[in-house]
Each structure stands twice: as structure tokens, then as C-alpha cells.
C-alpha atoms as a PDB file:
ATOM      1  CA  PRO A   1       2.918  -4.421  14.910  1.00  0.00           C
ATOM      2  CA  SER A   2       3.045  -1.099  12.079  1.00  0.00           C
ATOM      3  CA  TRP A   3       4.015  -3.007   8.355  1.00  0.00           C
ATOM      4  CA  GLY A   4       6.696  -0.445   7.931  1.00  0.00           C
ATOM      5  CA  LEU A   5       8.210  -1.799  11.395  1.00  0.00           C
ATOM      6  CA  MET A   6       8.408  -5.619   9.962  1.00  0.00           C
ATOM      7  CA  ILE A   7       9.767  -4.489   7.012  1.00  0.00           C
ATOM      8  CA  SER A   8      12.795  -2.489   8.232  1.00  0.00           C
ATOM      9  CA  GLU A   9      12.999  -5.251  10.319  1.00  0.00           C
ATOM     10  CA  ALA A  10      12.883  -8.377   7.872  1.00  0.00           C
ATOM     11  CA  LYS A  11      15.838  -6.399   5.855  1.00  0.00           C
ATOM     12  CA  ASN A  12      17.927  -8.685   7.689  1.00  0.00           C
ATOM     13  CA  PHE A  13      16.929 -11.829   6.028  1.00  0.00           C
ATOM     14  CA  MET A  14      15.783 -10.638   2.651  1.00  0.00           C
ATOM     15  CA  PHE A  15      17.975 -13.078   0.972  1.00  0.00           C
ATOM     16  CA  PHE A  16      17.078 -16.306   2.260  1.00  0.00           C
ATOM     17  CA  SER A  17      13.138 -14.632   3.931  1.00  0.00           C
ATOM     18  CA  PHE A  18      12.273 -12.969   1.521  1.00  0.00           C
ATOM     19  CA  TRP A  19       8.807 -13.601   1.885  1.00  0.00           C
ATOM     20  CA  LEU A  20       9.596 -11.423   5.370  1.00  0.00           C
ATOM     21  CA  ILE A  21       9.375  -8.144   3.280  1.00  0.00           C
ATOM     22  CA  ALA A  22       7.060  -9.267   0.116  1.00  0.00           C
ATOM     23  CA  ILE A  23       3.904  -9.940   1.936  1.00  0.00           C
ATOM     24  CA  PRO A  24       3.899  -6.667   4.465  1.00  0.00           C
ATOM     25  CA  GLY A  25       4.938  -4.760   1.844  1.00  0.00           C
ATOM     26  CA  ALA A  26       2.154  -6.047  -1.023  1.00  0.00           C
ATOM     27  CA  ALA A  27       0.132  -5.253   1.776  1.00  0.00           C
ATOM     28  CA  LEU A  28       1.027  -1.950   2.497  1.00  0.00           C
ATOM     29  CA  ALA A  29       0.795  -1.512  -1.583  1.00  0.00           C
ATOM     30  CA  LEU A  30      -2.962  -2.664  -1.965  1.00  0.00           C
ATOM     31  CA  LEU A  31      -3.468  -0.829   0.539  1.00  0.00           C
ATOM     32  CA  VAL A  32      -2.402   2.523  -0.906  1.00  0.00           C
ATOM     33  CA  LEU A  33      -3.884   1.576  -4.134  1.00  0.00           C
ATOM     34  CA  ALA A  34      -6.920   1.004  -2.573  1.00  0.00           C
ATOM     35  CA  ILE A  35      -6.706   4.746  -0.373  1.00  0.00           C
ATOM     36  CA  ASN A  36      -5.861   5.837  -4.097  1.00  0.00           C
ATOM     37  CA  MET A  37      -8.928   5.086  -5.887  1.00  0.00           C
ATOM     38  CA  MET A  38     -11.088   5.609  -3.202  1.00  0.00           C
ATOM     39  CA  GLY A  39     -10.323   9.439  -3.321  1.00  0.00           C
ATOM     40  CA  ASP A  40     -10.164   9.161  -6.616  1.00  0.00           C
ATOM     41  CA  GLY A  41     -14.047   7.785  -6.726  1.00  0.00           C
ATOM     42  CA  LEU A  42     -14.990  10.057  -4.051  1.00  0.00           C
ATOM     43  CA  ARG A  43     -13.933  13.338  -5.994  1.00  0.00           C
ATOM     44  CA  ASP A  44     -15.882  11.476  -9.195  1.00  0.00           C
ATOM     45  CA  VAL A  45     -19.029  11.175  -7.442  1.00  0.00           C
ATOM     46  CA  THR A  46     -18.478  14.949  -5.071  1.00  0.00           C
ATOM     47  CA  ALA A  47     -17.632  16.807  -8.128  1.00  0.00           C
ATOM     48  CA  PRO A  48     -18.081  14.938 -11.780  1.00  0.00           C
ATOM     49  CA  ASP A  49     -17.924  17.852 -14.234  1.00  0.00           C
ATOM     50  CA  SER A  50     -14.067  18.822 -12.964  1.00  0.00           C
ATOM     51  CA  ARG A  51     -12.723  15.469 -13.876  1.00  0.00           C
ATOM     52  CA  SER A  52     -10.873  15.940 -17.545  1.00  0.00           C
END
């Protein structure tokens, strides 16, 4: 299942099982951060003079 679907289905249980939202939410946030940092690194490698 997708992480978004897991978070959506777990919102009914978030008051007594917070980890059902916290774990997929943290994984999703880390994935977005990693992709963002990878994009920044690729930009620096391909066009190092355009970074100000």
C-alpha cells in the first residue's frame, strides 16, 4: 500500500495509535527531503556557475 493511503486510513486511530501516522509520515518526509537534496546536488554538478 502507498504511504499516503496508510496515513489517510490511520487518521481514525491517531489518538491511541499515533505511530500508525508517525512512521509513514516520517518516511514520506524523509523521502521528499532526500529527493530535494539529490536535485540540489545534481543542479550543482550540472551547472556549478549558476548557483548564487
